[in-house]
Each structure stands twice: as C-alpha cells, then as structure tokens.
C-alpha cells in the first residue's frame, strides 16, 4: 500500500531555494488511532518539564524510546556508576584528559547532560528523553573553558564513530560568534576536527551543538559551521533554548541566526528553574541553558531513530527538523530556526 508524502513548504532565511512539491498517485492510507500516551505520562515524566512540551509521550507510545541506538556524549565525562546509567552505557568510552579507557567527571557537566539524554526510566528522579538509548562517553578539555582542544575532539569523534555512534551530542561550542568571513578562525579552531566532521558526515553521522549562552543573535562557531562548509549541513543540528514552558527564549540562549535552516528550539530551563537532571553525586537538580537543550535534541534523535529503524540518522534528522512547530512565535526563523521540536508530529507514520 503506497503512502502519500505531504506537501512541505519551508521558510528559509539564509538562501532562497526553489520550492519542490512531492505528490503521489494514490490516496494515503488511513491513519491509525492516536497512541496511548497516558501510560508514559508518569510523575517521573512530568518532573522533566521539557518532555511534555515536546510531546515525547507520543513518540514513546509509538515505540520510540532509543532502544538499540548509541549516542556519543562528547563532554566532561560521565559517572557511570550511578543507577540512572546502569544498562545505558554501550562502551566505557575514553578519557582524553587522563589518557585511559572510561571517564571521570570532575566537573559534572557530562553527567548532567547524560541524564537529560538517557537516564533510566525507573520511577526515580527523572528519566532521559531516550531512556532506552545507550551512551558512549568521551571526556576532553581538562574541564576548562573555553574549549581549545581540537585534537582531543577529533579523536573523540573518530573513536565514538568506530564504536557505533552515529549521533554526536556536543553541549559546548568555542566562544567565537559564527561568521562566514572568518575562515582562518575556523581553520585554527578545528584544524583536525573539521576534517573528521566532514568525513563522518559523509559517512552518515549527525552532530548536535548548542548555539551558546551569550544572548547573541548569531550562534557560536561550531553550530554555525555549515554556513562556511555547506557539505556539513545534512549532518548538523544547532539547538537554541527556550524557557521551561517553551513560550519564550531562555535568558541566556543565542538565536539560531545564520544556522536557521539546521536549527531547532527546545526547552532548556532558565536560571533557578532549570531542567531537572542527574548530578555527578547521584542527586537531582536543575541545569539551564543551551547545553541541556542540545542533549535533549540528541536524545530525541536517538528515540526517533528507534521509531524508524529503516531510516538513516540523517533522514531522521531531516524528519525532526521538517516536522517542527513553525506557528505563532516559532515562525520567527532568525530566533527559532525550524521551530519548536514536536515529537508527536515527527513520530507519525
């Protein structure tokens, strides 16, 4: 039985491209009944305030929980001993600071992002948006900011890819505003990593980056990179952060700006009302900014990948972007890019 591809009209802000409409020869199949979301809407679900905003329970009810999908966590490490991550680690990963397998997490940032992404659904604290996904943690940067550790990043991306990751969660960016005129800056920052990114995108990977927390109208260097290197766009997502209710930009978030075509908006918490997540000592507490927003989108990709296992990660990426909510305030592509992530729309047949 054939299906009809819906007409799709997307507003692009950086370039004007011809509009192509796809049709079909036969009538679409009848849509199935709405999924039973209530069994997933537990207290644990609602404590993570971003999940209802992006309609994650619809994706879960259709089978998208991240099962069988590996995500590379490129960050400050992970406390793998916590109950929230039992069964959630596909490989111990590598610590490029201590130069040994497995990771420490002195800073705690990586463990916080891992909780947003893939913490267990166990009626304790919160669960990750892809609670059945598996992580491959990579620690780089010696817990310092800004991140000028090009060689470690390049090695982390390469190693995680060889271990089976095709989704790369990068809740960081170099603190330089994206600018298509700054070719030497990009080459200096990413002398090794840029080549790895090109190769791995060509091989099907998807890289997720936060736009940054400087309250600017443009993203930072890495999330804006496809403006300079167009072949990366098919494997790139930039993420800006909304407040917990999803109705306004978080107080720190940069806009999508020149990354509008590959950018999406999700809740990232705000100030003391951040998204609840796991701390490195096993407690739960808030985190806010574009970092948790990027982790949320990385997990959403993993959960959607398990919903559509026949799709490539880059096809899943395009589905996530093209089904975002572009109505109302989200029609402002400079700020919100493709719109508010909508996992109900993205997970429909």
Protein backbone atom coordinates (compact mmCIF):
# COMPACT_ATOMS: atom_id res chain seq x y z
CA UNK A 1 0.00 0.00 0.00
CA UNK A 2 1.54 3.31 -1.01
CA UNK A 3 1.66 6.39 1.13
CA UNK A 4 1.45 9.97 0.05
CA UNK A 5 4.22 12.38 1.02
CA UNK A 6 2.64 15.59 2.38
CA UNK A 7 3.27 18.89 0.71
CA UNK A 8 6.04 20.67 2.55
CA UNK A 9 6.76 24.38 2.47
CA UNK A 10 9.70 25.56 4.49
CA UNK A 11 10.76 29.11 5.12
CA UNK A 12 14.50 29.53 4.64
CA UNK A 13 16.32 32.60 5.87
CA UNK A 14 19.85 32.36 4.57
CA UNK A 15 19.29 31.31 0.97
CA UNK A 16 16.24 31.27 -1.28
CA UNK A 17 15.83 27.88 -2.91
CA UNK A 18 13.26 26.63 -5.44
CA UNK A 19 10.19 25.01 -3.92
CA UNK A 20 9.68 21.37 -4.86
CA UNK A 21 6.35 19.66 -4.23
CA UNK A 22 6.04 15.92 -3.93
CA UNK A 23 2.86 14.17 -4.88
CA UNK A 24 1.63 10.61 -5.19
CA UNK A 25 -0.50 8.56 -7.47
CA UNK A 26 -2.84 7.02 -4.94
CA UNK A 27 -4.75 8.07 -1.84
CA UNK A 28 -2.96 7.88 1.51
CA UNK A 29 -3.56 5.00 3.88
CA UNK A 30 -5.95 5.61 6.74
CA UNK A 31 -4.16 6.99 9.80
CA UNK A 32 -4.14 4.70 12.82
CA UNK A 33 -5.78 5.67 16.08
CA UNK A 34 -3.95 8.11 18.31
CA UNK A 35 -1.35 6.41 20.53
CA UNK A 36 -1.98 5.65 24.18
CA UNK A 37 0.30 8.22 25.78
CA UNK A 38 -1.04 8.07 29.33
CA UNK A 39 0.97 5.04 30.43
CA UNK A 40 4.15 7.02 29.76
CA UNK A 41 2.98 10.22 31.47
CA UNK A 42 4.25 9.28 34.92
CA UNK A 43 5.43 11.55 37.74
CA UNK A 44 8.97 10.85 36.55
CA UNK A 45 7.99 12.07 33.07
CA UNK A 46 6.40 15.29 34.30
CA UNK A 47 9.32 16.14 36.58
CA UNK A 48 11.36 16.61 33.43
CA UNK A 49 9.40 19.65 32.27
CA UNK A 50 10.73 19.62 28.73
CA UNK A 51 9.20 16.23 27.88
CA UNK A 52 5.52 17.31 27.80
CA UNK A 53 6.42 20.47 25.85
CA UNK A 54 7.99 18.45 23.02
CA UNK A 55 5.25 15.76 23.25
CA UNK A 56 7.68 12.94 24.00
CA UNK A 57 4.97 10.57 25.26
CA UNK A 58 3.53 10.29 21.73
CA UNK A 59 6.89 9.11 20.46
CA UNK A 60 7.17 6.58 23.31
CA UNK A 61 3.70 5.24 22.62
CA UNK A 62 4.71 4.62 19.02
CA UNK A 63 7.77 2.66 20.10
CA UNK A 64 10.46 5.35 20.02
CA UNK A 65 12.49 5.04 23.23
CA UNK A 66 16.04 4.87 21.88
CA UNK A 67 16.29 1.09 22.08
CA UNK A 68 19.37 -0.14 20.22
CA UNK A 69 20.69 3.34 19.40
CA UNK A 70 24.13 4.56 20.51
CA UNK A 71 24.84 8.23 21.20
CA UNK A 72 28.29 9.72 21.66
CA UNK A 73 28.43 12.04 24.66
CA UNK A 74 31.31 14.44 23.94
CA UNK A 75 31.63 16.31 27.22
CA UNK A 76 33.33 16.35 30.62
CA UNK A 77 32.87 12.62 31.19
CA UNK A 78 30.21 10.55 32.94
CA UNK A 79 29.77 8.99 36.37
CA UNK A 80 28.84 5.56 35.03
CA UNK A 81 28.32 4.07 38.50
CA UNK A 82 25.04 5.90 39.10
CA UNK A 83 21.84 3.78 38.96
CA UNK A 84 20.42 6.14 36.34
CA UNK A 85 23.01 4.86 33.87
CA UNK A 86 23.01 1.14 34.60
CA UNK A 87 22.47 -0.52 31.24
CA UNK A 88 22.72 2.83 29.49
CA UNK A 89 26.43 2.72 28.63
CA UNK A 90 27.34 0.90 25.43
CA UNK A 91 31.06 1.35 25.93
CA UNK A 92 33.13 2.88 28.76
CA UNK A 93 34.43 5.39 26.26
CA UNK A 94 37.72 7.18 26.65
CA UNK A 95 39.16 9.90 28.86
CA UNK A 96 41.43 12.11 26.76
CA UNK A 97 42.48 14.04 29.87
CA UNK A 98 43.83 11.04 31.78
CA UNK A 99 44.55 9.07 28.58
CA UNK A 100 42.77 5.89 29.64
CA UNK A 101 39.55 3.96 28.92
CA UNK A 102 36.48 5.01 30.88
CA UNK A 103 35.83 8.55 32.06
CA UNK A 104 35.92 10.59 35.23
CA UNK A 105 33.54 13.53 35.57
CA UNK A 106 35.10 16.04 37.91
CA UNK A 107 33.12 18.97 36.54
CA UNK A 108 29.76 17.15 36.47
CA UNK A 109 28.54 18.71 33.24
CA UNK A 110 28.68 15.48 31.24
CA UNK A 111 26.67 13.56 33.84
CA UNK A 112 24.03 16.29 33.80
CA UNK A 113 23.76 16.09 30.00
CA UNK A 114 23.62 12.27 30.14
CA UNK A 115 20.64 12.50 32.49
CA UNK A 116 18.74 14.75 30.10
CA UNK A 117 19.58 12.41 27.25
CA UNK A 118 19.28 8.85 28.54
CA UNK A 119 18.73 8.46 32.32
CA UNK A 120 16.83 5.27 33.15
CA UNK A 121 13.05 5.11 33.36
CA UNK A 122 12.95 3.66 36.88
CA UNK A 123 10.49 5.82 38.85
CA UNK A 124 13.42 7.65 40.46
CA UNK A 125 14.07 11.33 39.88
CA UNK A 126 13.72 11.89 36.14
CA UNK A 127 14.24 9.83 33.02
CA UNK A 128 16.05 10.83 29.86
CA UNK A 129 14.20 11.65 26.67
CA UNK A 130 15.70 8.46 25.16
CA UNK A 131 15.58 6.29 28.26
CA UNK A 132 16.49 3.11 26.39
CA UNK A 133 19.35 4.57 24.34
CA UNK A 134 22.98 3.79 25.11
CA UNK A 135 25.81 6.24 25.63
CA UNK A 136 29.45 6.27 24.59
CA UNK A 137 31.05 8.92 26.82
CA UNK A 138 34.16 10.82 25.78
CA UNK A 139 35.94 13.25 28.12
CA UNK A 140 38.01 16.09 26.69
CA UNK A 141 39.25 19.52 27.63
CA UNK A 142 40.55 19.03 31.17
CA UNK A 143 37.29 20.57 32.47
CA UNK A 144 38.35 24.06 31.41
CA UNK A 145 36.58 26.65 29.28
CA UNK A 146 36.83 27.86 26.60
CA UNK A 147 37.37 24.64 24.68
CA UNK A 148 40.53 24.85 22.60
CA UNK A 149 41.19 21.12 22.41
CA UNK A 150 40.88 20.41 18.72
CA UNK A 151 42.95 17.22 18.69
CA UNK A 152 41.04 15.63 21.57
CA UNK A 153 37.69 16.49 19.97
CA UNK A 154 38.77 15.00 16.64
CA UNK A 155 39.92 11.79 18.32
CA UNK A 156 36.74 11.58 20.40
CA UNK A 157 34.52 11.88 17.33
CA UNK A 158 36.54 9.29 15.42
CA UNK A 159 36.66 6.80 18.29
CA UNK A 160 32.95 7.09 19.07
CA UNK A 161 32.11 6.55 15.39
CA UNK A 162 34.18 3.37 15.25
CA UNK A 163 32.34 2.16 18.36
CA UNK A 164 29.00 2.52 16.61
CA UNK A 165 27.76 6.03 17.41
CA UNK A 166 26.11 7.96 14.60
CA UNK A 167 24.57 10.68 16.79
CA UNK A 168 27.03 13.02 18.50
CA UNK A 169 25.86 15.15 21.42
CA UNK A 170 28.04 18.26 21.78
CA UNK A 171 26.77 20.53 24.56
CA UNK A 172 29.56 23.04 24.01
CA UNK A 173 30.97 25.40 21.41
CA UNK A 174 34.01 27.62 21.09
CA UNK A 175 33.11 31.13 22.32
CA UNK A 176 33.50 32.81 18.96
CA UNK A 177 30.44 34.01 17.07
CA UNK A 178 29.79 32.21 13.79
CA UNK A 179 30.82 34.31 10.83
CA UNK A 180 31.21 33.16 7.25
CA UNK A 181 34.04 35.67 6.75
CA UNK A 182 36.22 34.14 9.46
CA UNK A 183 37.72 31.21 7.56
CA UNK A 184 41.13 31.43 9.30
CA UNK A 185 39.41 31.35 12.70
CA UNK A 186 37.59 28.13 11.88
CA UNK A 187 40.72 26.57 10.48
CA UNK A 188 42.66 27.44 13.63
CA UNK A 189 39.94 26.19 15.98
CA UNK A 190 39.24 23.00 14.05
CA UNK A 191 42.46 22.07 12.32
CA UNK A 192 41.88 18.35 12.98
CA UNK A 193 38.21 18.22 13.97
CA UNK A 194 36.91 19.81 10.78
CA UNK A 195 38.35 17.04 8.64
CA UNK A 196 36.86 14.40 10.92
CA UNK A 197 33.47 16.13 10.84
CA UNK A 198 33.47 16.22 7.03
CA UNK A 199 34.39 12.56 6.77
CA UNK A 200 31.93 11.33 9.37
CA UNK A 201 29.04 13.40 7.99
CA UNK A 202 29.78 11.93 4.56
CA UNK A 203 29.52 8.51 6.24
CA UNK A 204 26.12 9.28 7.77
CA UNK A 205 26.73 10.85 11.19
CA UNK A 206 24.70 13.67 12.76
CA UNK A 207 26.33 16.25 15.04
CA UNK A 208 24.24 18.24 17.53
CA UNK A 209 25.53 21.52 19.00
CA UNK A 210 24.20 24.14 21.38
CA UNK A 211 24.01 27.67 19.92
CA UNK A 212 25.64 29.15 23.04
CA UNK A 213 24.65 31.20 26.07
CA UNK A 214 25.81 34.72 25.20
CA UNK A 215 22.41 36.30 24.37
CA UNK A 216 23.57 36.98 20.80
CA UNK A 217 21.67 36.99 17.53
CA UNK A 218 24.14 34.53 16.00
CA UNK A 219 25.28 31.09 17.22
CA UNK A 220 28.82 30.27 18.22
CA UNK A 221 31.43 28.77 15.91
CA UNK A 222 30.60 25.04 15.68
CA UNK A 223 26.78 25.25 15.49
CA UNK A 224 27.10 27.75 12.64
CA UNK A 225 29.76 25.81 10.75
CA UNK A 226 27.64 24.65 7.75
CA UNK A 227 27.32 28.30 6.70
CA UNK A 228 31.00 28.06 5.85
CA UNK A 229 31.17 24.35 4.98
CA UNK A 230 27.86 23.53 3.23
CA UNK A 231 28.52 19.80 2.93
CA UNK A 232 28.15 19.50 6.69
CA UNK A 233 24.56 20.73 6.76
CA UNK A 234 22.96 17.32 6.09
CA UNK A 235 24.57 16.04 9.30
CA UNK A 236 24.30 19.10 11.54
CA UNK A 237 21.79 20.46 14.06
CA UNK A 238 22.10 23.65 16.10
CA UNK A 239 19.88 23.96 19.18
CA UNK A 240 18.62 27.13 20.86
CA UNK A 241 16.98 27.11 24.29
CA UNK A 242 13.52 28.17 25.43
CA UNK A 243 12.25 28.66 28.95
CA UNK A 244 10.67 25.64 30.63
CA UNK A 245 7.21 26.47 29.31
CA UNK A 246 8.51 26.66 25.75
CA UNK A 247 6.91 30.06 25.22
CA UNK A 248 9.91 32.40 25.32
CA UNK A 249 13.64 32.36 24.72
CA UNK A 250 15.70 31.40 27.74
CA UNK A 251 17.54 34.33 29.30
CA UNK A 252 20.94 33.14 28.05
CA UNK A 253 20.34 31.50 24.67
CA UNK A 254 21.80 32.73 21.42
CA UNK A 255 19.44 32.87 18.45
CA UNK A 256 19.64 30.44 15.55
CA UNK A 257 20.74 33.28 13.25
CA UNK A 258 22.64 32.09 10.21
CA UNK A 259 22.06 28.48 11.33
CA UNK A 260 18.28 28.85 10.91
CA UNK A 261 18.00 26.10 8.28
CA UNK A 262 19.55 23.48 10.56
CA UNK A 263 18.45 24.88 13.93
CA UNK A 264 15.62 23.84 16.25
CA UNK A 265 14.15 25.16 19.51
CA UNK A 266 13.51 23.17 22.71
CA UNK A 267 13.15 23.99 26.42
CA UNK A 268 16.47 24.49 28.16
CA UNK A 269 15.33 25.83 31.50
CA UNK A 270 16.01 29.28 32.83
CA UNK A 271 18.01 30.45 35.83
CA UNK A 272 16.96 28.66 39.01
CA UNK A 273 14.12 26.96 37.13
CA UNK A 274 16.35 24.77 35.00
CA UNK A 275 15.61 21.31 33.68
CA UNK A 276 15.88 18.64 36.37
CA UNK A 277 18.72 16.20 35.81
CA UNK A 278 21.32 13.97 37.46
CA UNK A 279 24.32 15.35 39.31
CA UNK A 280 27.62 13.52 39.47
CA UNK A 281 26.97 12.58 43.15
CA UNK A 282 23.67 10.89 42.27
CA UNK A 283 21.40 13.70 43.47
CA UNK A 284 18.98 15.57 41.22
CA UNK A 285 18.97 19.27 40.50
CA UNK A 286 18.44 21.91 37.81
CA UNK A 287 20.59 22.79 34.84
CA UNK A 288 19.79 25.57 32.39
CA UNK A 289 20.98 26.84 29.04
CA UNK A 290 21.62 25.59 25.55
CA UNK A 291 23.69 22.66 26.87
CA UNK A 292 20.69 20.68 28.17
CA UNK A 293 18.74 21.79 25.10
CA UNK A 294 21.34 20.14 22.84
CA UNK A 295 21.33 16.98 24.95
CA UNK A 296 17.54 16.88 24.69
CA UNK A 297 17.67 17.03 20.88
CA UNK A 298 20.42 14.40 20.74
CA UNK A 299 18.21 12.07 22.76
CA UNK A 300 15.19 12.89 20.62
CA UNK A 301 17.14 11.85 17.54
CA UNK A 302 18.02 8.55 19.20
CA UNK A 303 14.42 7.89 20.25
CA UNK A 304 13.15 8.78 16.77
CA UNK A 305 15.80 6.56 15.19
CA UNK A 306 14.44 3.59 17.14
CA UNK A 307 10.92 4.52 15.97
CA UNK A 308 12.10 4.45 12.33
CA UNK A 309 14.96 1.92 12.24
CA UNK A 310 14.84 1.76 8.45
CA UNK A 311 15.83 5.40 8.16
CA UNK A 312 19.37 6.68 8.23
CA UNK A 313 20.30 9.08 11.06
CA UNK A 314 20.41 11.92 8.56
CA UNK A 315 16.91 11.08 7.33
CA UNK A 316 15.75 11.09 10.94
CA UNK A 317 17.41 14.48 11.38
CA UNK A 318 15.50 15.91 8.43
CA UNK A 319 12.25 14.46 9.74
CA UNK A 320 12.84 16.06 13.14
CA UNK A 321 13.51 19.47 11.58
CA UNK A 322 10.76 19.37 8.98
CA UNK A 323 8.02 18.45 11.47
CA UNK A 324 8.86 21.19 13.99
CA UNK A 325 6.09 23.59 15.01
CA UNK A 326 6.50 26.76 12.93
CA UNK A 327 3.31 28.52 14.04
CA UNK A 328 2.96 31.65 16.17
CA UNK A 329 6.20 32.90 17.68
CA UNK A 330 8.08 29.93 16.23
CA UNK A 331 7.60 31.36 12.73
CA UNK A 332 10.49 33.73 13.52
CA UNK A 333 13.24 31.66 11.93
CA UNK A 334 16.04 34.03 12.95
CA UNK A 335 15.29 33.22 16.57
CA UNK A 336 13.77 29.72 16.47
CA UNK A 337 15.13 28.24 13.25
CA UNK A 338 12.85 25.48 12.00
CA UNK A 339 10.60 25.88 15.06
CA UNK A 340 9.70 24.08 18.29
CA UNK A 341 10.55 20.37 18.28
CA UNK A 342 7.34 18.32 18.07
CA UNK A 343 7.82 14.61 18.66
CA UNK A 344 4.17 13.79 18.11
CA UNK A 345 4.39 15.13 14.55
CA UNK A 346 7.84 13.63 13.98
CA UNK A 347 6.77 10.13 15.08
CA UNK A 348 3.60 9.85 12.99
CA UNK A 349 3.57 7.22 10.25
